[in-house]
């Protein structure tokens, strides 16, 4: 749509960047609402905001206004931050020892939208084209309807508010925000989670955004690009329930480190892939998606533990703001890096970033309260017999 309106491919990355920026901005605002009034009001407001943004986008298609399109995607992105924070709302309704598993299932649900969304958008676009309206309006009408249905579901069905289902004592019992590490070198779970989320999201965006461009430049057909991106989507979402279970079973930090190592391998695989080889790039992007899945779910699990709802909601929103702000910069810089160092160089930069983060997370999360699964007792630190 951006290319059709402006006639310039150089501006085609701006709408996505505006959407990601909106998500970063909205995460802070909605988390403040959730901290004060509960999860349900924040989710409803976020989804209602996205409905308004989608309506504005429909107007942008009718008027062929690029400025209006950018504003619309900024608003949609702000509302879409509620979708990201919903994983924490679901986790609130469960004991701390089950929250990472729950987050894995919620992230997996995005697979349904990833498949159904484009299909519905294409169908509606065809009907609109037949009626004389811009076909691009179809995707935004589906977006408006989906967010409106979500807002209604949250308002009517999400009762009681998830934040009210657990007592503060339950959360504090599993809190590891201040791990007891005699050396003083270990990071808190919040810092470890933030590093994991930022690096996982940025490396994934950096390589993923330019992979279709690279394959297209070397003669890749549209069908081959679609196959490659389907492989990436499969890696991102299909295994998140397994990822959540493994993180709950063996510890969030171990799975986070494994995810960063998979991202490292994906970058190397992309750099070594023969130019124009869709199967080789599909394999690399599958690893890229799987690494993101491990890093995103495990790091989110760390943020879902400890403290009372208000404090937890604020730090989760702040983390998402940083994460998606960094992802917006990665999206904007990916094209520049592609032109400067080529696709192989871009992949190696992402690989080096993920590898460095894996080492840092492993070294800085040495405290047992971070590396052990929740609820695990340390040898020599058993609870005294109070009988």
Protein backbone atom coordinates (compact mmCIF):
# COMPACT_ATOMS: atom_id res chain seq x y z
CA UNK A 1 0.00 0.00 0.00
CA UNK A 2 2.86 2.35 0.84
CA UNK A 3 4.48 1.67 -2.55
CA UNK A 4 1.19 2.19 -4.38
CA UNK A 5 0.55 5.52 -2.66
CA UNK A 6 4.07 6.99 -2.75
CA UNK A 7 5.59 5.18 -5.73
CA UNK A 8 8.75 4.64 -3.64
CA UNK A 9 10.07 1.38 -2.21
CA UNK A 10 12.37 3.38 0.08
CA UNK A 11 9.34 4.38 2.17
CA UNK A 12 7.79 0.92 2.30
CA UNK A 13 9.37 0.11 5.68
CA UNK A 14 7.90 3.12 7.47
CA UNK A 15 4.39 1.74 8.12
CA UNK A 16 5.77 -1.36 9.86
CA UNK A 17 8.19 0.78 11.85
CA UNK A 18 5.32 3.05 12.92
CA UNK A 19 3.29 0.05 14.03
CA UNK A 20 6.16 -1.32 16.14
CA UNK A 21 6.77 2.16 17.59
CA UNK A 22 3.10 2.34 18.53
CA UNK A 23 3.37 -1.00 20.31
CA UNK A 24 6.35 0.27 22.29
CA UNK A 25 4.50 3.47 23.22
CA UNK A 26 1.24 1.72 24.09
CA UNK A 27 2.89 -0.87 26.33
CA UNK A 28 3.87 1.78 28.88
CA UNK A 29 0.48 3.48 28.91
CA UNK A 30 -1.61 0.31 29.11
CA UNK A 31 0.61 -1.25 31.77
CA UNK A 32 0.00 1.83 33.92
CA UNK A 33 -3.74 1.37 33.47
CA UNK A 34 -3.43 -2.31 34.39
CA UNK A 35 -1.33 -1.53 37.44
CA UNK A 36 -3.98 0.83 38.79
CA UNK A 37 -7.28 -0.62 37.58
CA UNK A 38 -6.55 -4.26 36.69
CA UNK A 39 -5.84 -6.30 33.58
CA UNK A 40 -9.36 -6.24 32.08
CA UNK A 41 -9.72 -2.44 31.68
CA UNK A 42 -6.26 -2.20 30.13
CA UNK A 43 -6.98 -4.94 27.60
CA UNK A 44 -10.37 -3.48 26.65
CA UNK A 45 -8.93 0.03 26.19
CA UNK A 46 -6.04 -1.34 24.13
CA UNK A 47 -8.27 -3.31 21.77
CA UNK A 48 -10.74 -0.41 21.42
CA UNK A 49 -7.80 1.82 20.47
CA UNK A 50 -6.79 -0.67 17.78
CA UNK A 51 -10.34 -0.63 16.38
CA UNK A 52 -10.12 3.16 16.04
CA UNK A 53 -6.74 2.84 14.33
CA UNK A 54 -8.07 0.27 11.87
CA UNK A 55 -11.00 2.56 11.00
CA UNK A 56 -8.53 5.38 10.41
CA UNK A 57 -6.51 3.05 8.14
CA UNK A 58 -9.61 2.31 6.05
CA UNK A 59 -10.04 6.06 5.59
CA UNK A 60 -6.37 6.28 4.56
CA UNK A 61 -6.92 3.69 1.83
CA UNK A 62 -9.95 5.52 0.49
CA UNK A 63 -8.12 8.86 0.40
CA UNK A 64 -4.75 7.35 -0.64
CA UNK A 65 -3.08 9.32 2.17
CA UNK A 66 0.35 8.09 3.25
CA UNK A 67 0.47 10.42 6.26
CA UNK A 68 -2.91 9.15 7.43
CA UNK A 69 -1.73 5.57 6.93
CA UNK A 70 1.31 6.16 9.15
CA UNK A 71 -0.87 7.74 11.84
CA UNK A 72 -3.33 4.84 11.62
CA UNK A 73 -0.63 2.20 12.05
CA UNK A 74 0.79 4.10 15.01
CA UNK A 75 -2.63 3.90 16.67
CA UNK A 76 -3.13 0.24 15.71
CA UNK A 77 0.30 -0.57 17.12
CA UNK A 78 -0.54 1.21 20.38
CA UNK A 79 -3.65 -0.88 20.76
CA UNK A 80 -1.85 -4.04 19.71
CA UNK A 81 0.41 -3.72 22.76
CA UNK A 82 -2.57 -5.14 24.67
CA UNK A 83 -2.10 -8.38 22.72
CA UNK A 84 1.47 -8.59 23.97
CA UNK A 85 0.45 -7.83 27.57
CA UNK A 86 -2.35 -10.43 27.38
CA UNK A 87 0.22 -13.19 27.91
CA UNK A 88 0.90 -11.79 31.35
CA UNK A 89 -2.82 -11.44 32.11
CA UNK A 90 -3.26 -15.16 31.43
CA UNK A 91 -0.24 -15.96 33.59
CA UNK A 92 -1.69 -13.97 36.53
CA UNK A 93 -4.50 -16.48 36.87
CA UNK A 94 -2.08 -19.31 37.65
CA UNK A 95 0.47 -20.06 40.38
CA UNK A 96 3.99 -18.84 39.66
CA UNK A 97 5.26 -22.36 39.01
CA UNK A 98 2.90 -22.71 35.99
CA UNK A 99 3.12 -19.27 34.43
CA UNK A 100 5.80 -19.92 31.80
CA UNK A 101 3.81 -22.89 30.48
CA UNK A 102 0.70 -20.70 30.26
CA UNK A 103 2.63 -18.00 28.40
CA UNK A 104 3.79 -20.63 25.90
CA UNK A 105 0.18 -21.58 25.10
CA UNK A 106 -0.91 -17.95 24.75
CA UNK A 107 1.93 -17.17 22.34
CA UNK A 108 1.05 -20.33 20.41
CA UNK A 109 -2.47 -18.96 19.86
CA UNK A 110 -0.91 -16.35 17.55
CA UNK A 111 -0.51 -19.19 15.03
CA UNK A 112 -4.28 -19.13 14.51
CA UNK A 113 -4.23 -15.42 13.71
CA UNK A 114 -1.16 -15.76 11.49
CA UNK A 115 -3.00 -18.28 9.33
CA UNK A 116 -6.54 -16.93 9.46
CA UNK A 117 -5.73 -13.21 9.23
CA UNK A 118 -4.21 -13.06 5.73
CA UNK A 119 -6.82 -15.51 4.42
CA UNK A 120 -9.73 -13.44 5.72
CA UNK A 121 -8.06 -10.24 4.55
CA UNK A 122 -7.65 -11.60 1.01
CA UNK A 123 -11.28 -12.75 0.90
CA UNK A 124 -12.64 -9.41 2.08
CA UNK A 125 -10.27 -7.55 -0.25
CA UNK A 126 -11.70 -9.45 -3.21
CA UNK A 127 -15.24 -8.55 -2.22
CA UNK A 128 -14.31 -4.90 -1.78
CA UNK A 129 -12.54 -4.75 -5.16
CA UNK A 130 -15.69 -6.08 -6.78
CA UNK A 131 -17.69 -3.29 -5.15
CA UNK A 132 -15.28 -0.57 -6.25
CA UNK A 133 -13.63 0.08 -2.87
CA UNK A 134 -9.82 -0.11 -2.42
CA UNK A 135 -8.78 -3.74 -1.94
CA UNK A 136 -6.28 -2.78 0.76
CA UNK A 137 -9.24 -1.83 2.96
CA UNK A 138 -10.01 -5.53 3.39
CA UNK A 139 -7.11 -6.25 5.75
CA UNK A 140 -7.98 -3.27 7.94
CA UNK A 141 -11.67 -4.16 8.09
CA UNK A 142 -10.71 -7.65 9.30
CA UNK A 143 -8.36 -6.02 11.83
CA UNK A 144 -11.16 -3.77 13.14
CA UNK A 145 -13.59 -6.69 13.44
CA UNK A 146 -11.06 -8.93 15.21
CA UNK A 147 -10.06 -6.30 17.75
CA UNK A 148 -13.71 -5.36 18.37
CA UNK A 149 -14.53 -9.02 19.05
CA UNK A 150 -11.52 -9.23 21.39
CA UNK A 151 -12.55 -6.11 23.30
CA UNK A 152 -16.07 -7.49 23.73
CA UNK A 153 -14.74 -10.86 24.91
CA UNK A 154 -12.45 -9.24 27.48
CA UNK A 155 -15.20 -6.94 28.76
CA UNK A 156 -17.82 -9.67 29.15
CA UNK A 157 -15.92 -12.91 29.78
CA UNK A 158 -12.71 -11.96 31.59
CA UNK A 159 -14.21 -12.08 35.07
CA UNK A 160 -12.93 -11.94 37.72
CA UNK A 161 -9.94 -9.85 36.75
CA UNK A 162 -6.89 -12.16 36.48
CA UNK A 163 -4.87 -9.98 38.83
CA UNK A 164 -7.32 -10.61 41.64
CA UNK A 165 -7.06 -14.41 41.53
CA UNK A 166 -3.68 -14.73 43.29
CA UNK A 167 -2.82 -13.38 46.69
CA UNK A 168 0.28 -11.18 47.12
CA UNK A 169 1.76 -13.81 49.41
CA UNK A 170 1.69 -16.40 46.60
CA UNK A 171 3.74 -14.15 44.35
CA UNK A 172 6.20 -13.04 46.98
CA UNK A 173 6.79 -16.68 47.88
CA UNK A 174 8.18 -17.28 44.39
CA UNK A 175 9.83 -13.90 43.98
CA UNK A 176 13.40 -13.99 42.72
CA UNK A 177 13.89 -10.33 41.92
CA UNK A 178 16.67 -10.10 44.49
CA UNK A 179 18.57 -13.39 44.28
CA UNK A 180 20.91 -14.21 47.12
CA UNK A 181 24.27 -14.49 45.45
CA UNK A 182 27.30 -14.24 47.69
CA UNK A 183 29.56 -13.00 44.91
CA UNK A 184 27.26 -10.09 44.08
CA UNK A 185 27.86 -10.69 40.35
CA UNK A 186 24.52 -12.22 39.42
CA UNK A 187 21.87 -10.13 37.69
CA UNK A 188 18.27 -9.97 38.82
CA UNK A 189 15.70 -11.87 36.73
CA UNK A 190 14.39 -8.55 35.40
CA UNK A 191 17.75 -7.64 33.85
CA UNK A 192 18.26 -11.13 32.46
CA UNK A 193 14.75 -11.13 31.00
CA UNK A 194 15.23 -7.71 29.45
CA UNK A 195 18.47 -8.73 27.74
CA UNK A 196 16.82 -11.91 26.47
CA UNK A 197 13.72 -10.16 25.15
CA UNK A 198 15.57 -7.29 23.46
CA UNK A 199 18.20 -9.46 21.77
CA UNK A 200 15.72 -12.18 20.72
CA UNK A 201 13.33 -9.65 19.18
CA UNK A 202 16.01 -7.51 17.52
CA UNK A 203 17.97 -10.39 15.97
CA UNK A 204 14.77 -11.98 14.69
CA UNK A 205 13.53 -8.72 13.15
CA UNK A 206 16.94 -7.78 11.75
CA UNK A 207 17.32 -10.99 9.74
CA UNK A 208 13.67 -11.78 9.01
CA UNK A 209 12.77 -8.41 7.49
CA UNK A 210 15.52 -8.55 4.87
CA UNK A 211 15.32 -12.26 4.01
CA UNK A 212 12.46 -11.88 1.49
CA UNK A 213 14.25 -8.92 -0.09
CA UNK A 214 17.48 -10.94 -0.37
CA UNK A 215 15.76 -13.96 -1.89
CA UNK A 216 13.81 -11.80 -4.32
CA UNK A 217 16.98 -10.02 -5.45
CA UNK A 218 18.49 -13.39 -6.38
CA UNK A 219 15.59 -14.63 -8.47
CA UNK A 220 13.40 -16.19 -5.80
CA UNK A 221 9.79 -16.66 -6.83
CA UNK A 222 6.93 -15.36 -4.72
CA UNK A 223 5.98 -18.96 -3.88
CA UNK A 224 9.53 -19.64 -2.65
CA UNK A 225 9.43 -16.53 -0.48
CA UNK A 226 6.09 -17.64 0.94
CA UNK A 227 7.52 -21.09 1.74
CA UNK A 228 10.50 -19.52 3.47
CA UNK A 229 8.34 -17.23 5.60
CA UNK A 230 5.94 -20.07 6.44
CA UNK A 231 8.93 -22.02 7.75
CA UNK A 232 9.86 -19.03 9.89
CA UNK A 233 6.33 -18.66 11.26
CA UNK A 234 6.27 -22.38 12.05
CA UNK A 235 9.47 -22.04 14.06
CA UNK A 236 8.15 -18.99 15.92
CA UNK A 237 4.79 -20.26 17.09
CA UNK A 238 4.23 -23.98 16.59
CA UNK A 239 6.44 -25.14 19.46
CA UNK A 240 5.80 -22.46 22.07
CA UNK A 241 3.78 -24.84 24.34
CA UNK A 242 6.79 -27.18 24.34
CA UNK A 243 9.10 -24.24 24.96
CA UNK A 244 7.00 -23.11 27.91
CA UNK A 245 6.95 -26.62 29.37
CA UNK A 246 10.72 -26.99 29.04
CA UNK A 247 11.29 -23.58 30.65
CA UNK A 248 9.00 -24.53 33.53
CA UNK A 249 10.70 -27.92 33.90
CA UNK A 250 14.37 -26.96 33.55
CA UNK A 251 14.35 -23.23 34.31
CA UNK A 252 13.69 -20.09 32.28
CA UNK A 253 17.33 -19.06 32.07
CA UNK A 254 18.47 -22.39 30.59
CA UNK A 255 15.84 -22.23 27.84
CA UNK A 256 16.59 -18.54 27.25
CA UNK A 257 20.27 -19.35 26.78
CA UNK A 258 19.39 -22.20 24.41
CA UNK A 259 17.21 -19.80 22.41
CA UNK A 260 20.06 -17.29 22.05
CA UNK A 261 22.33 -20.10 20.87
CA UNK A 262 19.73 -21.12 18.26
CA UNK A 263 19.59 -17.50 17.06
CA UNK A 264 23.38 -17.58 16.77
CA UNK A 265 23.22 -20.73 14.66
CA UNK A 266 20.44 -19.25 12.51
CA UNK A 267 22.56 -16.21 11.70
CA UNK A 268 25.49 -18.40 10.68
CA UNK A 269 23.17 -20.58 8.60
CA UNK A 270 21.75 -17.57 6.80
CA UNK A 271 25.23 -16.21 6.08
CA UNK A 272 26.39 -19.56 4.65
CA UNK A 273 23.24 -20.26 2.62
CA UNK A 274 23.85 -20.25 -1.16
CA UNK A 275 22.43 -17.14 -2.81
CA UNK A 276 18.95 -17.77 -4.09
CA UNK A 277 18.56 -21.09 -2.23
CA UNK A 278 15.09 -20.98 -0.73
CA UNK A 279 15.41 -24.33 1.12
CA UNK A 280 18.65 -23.27 2.82
CA UNK A 281 17.19 -19.91 3.82
CA UNK A 282 13.98 -21.60 4.98
CA UNK A 283 16.02 -23.83 7.30
CA UNK A 284 17.91 -20.83 8.68
CA UNK A 285 14.69 -18.89 9.24
CA UNK A 286 13.08 -21.87 10.94
CA UNK A 287 15.97 -21.86 13.44
CA UNK A 288 15.58 -18.09 13.73
CA UNK A 289 11.91 -18.50 14.64
CA UNK A 290 12.60 -21.36 17.05
CA UNK A 291 15.33 -19.36 18.79
CA UNK A 292 12.97 -16.42 19.13
CA UNK A 293 10.31 -18.74 20.56
CA UNK A 294 12.66 -20.04 23.26
CA UNK A 295 13.99 -16.60 24.13
CA UNK A 296 10.66 -14.77 24.10
CA UNK A 297 8.69 -17.32 26.14
CA UNK A 298 11.43 -18.01 28.70
CA UNK A 299 12.24 -14.32 29.25
CA UNK A 300 8.52 -13.52 29.57
CA UNK A 301 8.31 -16.28 32.18
CA UNK A 302 10.94 -14.50 34.25
CA UNK A 303 8.92 -11.27 34.15
CA UNK A 304 5.74 -13.10 35.15
CA UNK A 305 7.22 -14.13 38.51
CA UNK A 306 7.38 -12.20 41.75
CA UNK A 307 5.93 -9.04 43.27
CA UNK A 308 2.33 -7.91 43.47
CA UNK A 309 0.23 -7.15 40.39
CA UNK A 310 0.81 -3.37 40.25
CA UNK A 311 4.59 -3.66 40.35
CA UNK A 312 4.63 -6.64 37.99
CA UNK A 313 2.38 -4.92 35.43
CA UNK A 314 4.53 -1.77 35.41
CA UNK A 315 7.80 -3.62 34.86
CA UNK A 316 6.22 -5.83 32.16
CA UNK A 317 4.98 -2.77 30.30
CA UNK A 318 8.33 -1.02 30.63
CA UNK A 319 10.08 -4.13 29.33
CA UNK A 320 7.78 -4.35 26.28
CA UNK A 321 8.34 -0.65 25.58
CA UNK A 322 12.10 -1.17 25.50
CA UNK A 323 11.80 -4.38 23.49
CA UNK A 324 9.56 -3.05 20.75
CA UNK A 325 11.36 0.29 20.64
CA UNK A 326 14.58 -1.59 19.97
CA UNK A 327 12.77 -3.78 17.40
CA UNK A 328 11.61 -0.65 15.55
CA UNK A 329 15.23 0.54 15.34
CA UNK A 330 16.30 -2.91 14.12
CA UNK A 331 13.63 -2.81 11.42
CA UNK A 332 14.70 0.63 10.25
CA UNK A 333 18.41 -0.23 10.27
CA UNK A 334 18.08 -3.60 8.52
CA UNK A 335 17.85 -2.05 5.05
CA UNK A 336 20.85 0.18 5.69
CA UNK A 337 22.93 -2.78 6.92
CA UNK A 338 21.88 -4.85 3.92
CA UNK A 339 23.18 -2.18 1.55
CA UNK A 340 26.41 -1.69 3.53
CA UNK A 341 27.51 -5.24 4.38
CA UNK A 342 25.21 -7.48 2.35
CA UNK A 343 22.90 -10.22 3.56
CA UNK A 344 25.69 -12.46 4.84
CA UNK A 345 27.18 -9.61 6.85
CA UNK A 346 23.74 -8.74 8.22
CA UNK A 347 23.24 -12.33 9.38
CA UNK A 348 26.67 -12.45 11.00
CA UNK A 349 25.97 -9.23 12.90
CA UNK A 350 22.79 -10.78 14.26
CA UNK A 351 24.64 -13.99 15.08
CA UNK A 352 27.37 -12.12 16.96
CA UNK A 353 24.78 -10.16 18.94
CA UNK A 354 22.90 -13.31 19.95
CA UNK A 355 26.10 -15.21 20.80
CA UNK A 356 27.36 -12.40 22.99
CA UNK A 357 24.02 -12.22 24.79
CA UNK A 358 24.07 -16.00 25.38
CA UNK A 359 27.44 -15.73 27.10
CA UNK A 360 26.36 -12.73 29.17
CA UNK A 361 23.12 -14.39 30.30
CA UNK A 362 24.95 -17.59 31.21
CA UNK A 363 27.62 -15.77 33.22
CA UNK A 364 25.38 -13.18 34.88
CA UNK A 365 22.59 -15.54 35.90
CA UNK A 366 24.77 -17.77 38.04
CA UNK A 367 22.60 -17.44 41.16
CA UNK A 368 20.70 -20.64 41.98
CA UNK A 369 17.42 -18.72 42.32
CA UNK A 370 17.70 -17.88 38.63
CA UNK A 371 18.99 -21.12 37.17
CA UNK A 372 16.77 -23.49 39.15
CA UNK A 373 13.15 -24.05 38.15
CA UNK A 374 10.63 -22.27 40.42
CA UNK A 375 9.96 -24.09 43.66
CA UNK A 376 13.23 -26.05 43.62
CA UNK A 377 14.89 -26.33 47.03
CA UNK A 378 18.58 -25.77 47.34
CA UNK A 379 20.66 -28.40 49.07
CA UNK A 380 21.56 -27.31 52.56
CA UNK A 381 18.78 -24.73 52.57
CA UNK A 382 15.78 -26.80 53.53
CA UNK A 383 12.89 -25.32 55.44
CA UNK A 384 13.28 -25.79 59.22
CA UNK A 385 10.93 -28.18 60.97
CA UNK A 386 8.47 -25.93 62.84
CA UNK A 387 6.70 -28.68 64.72
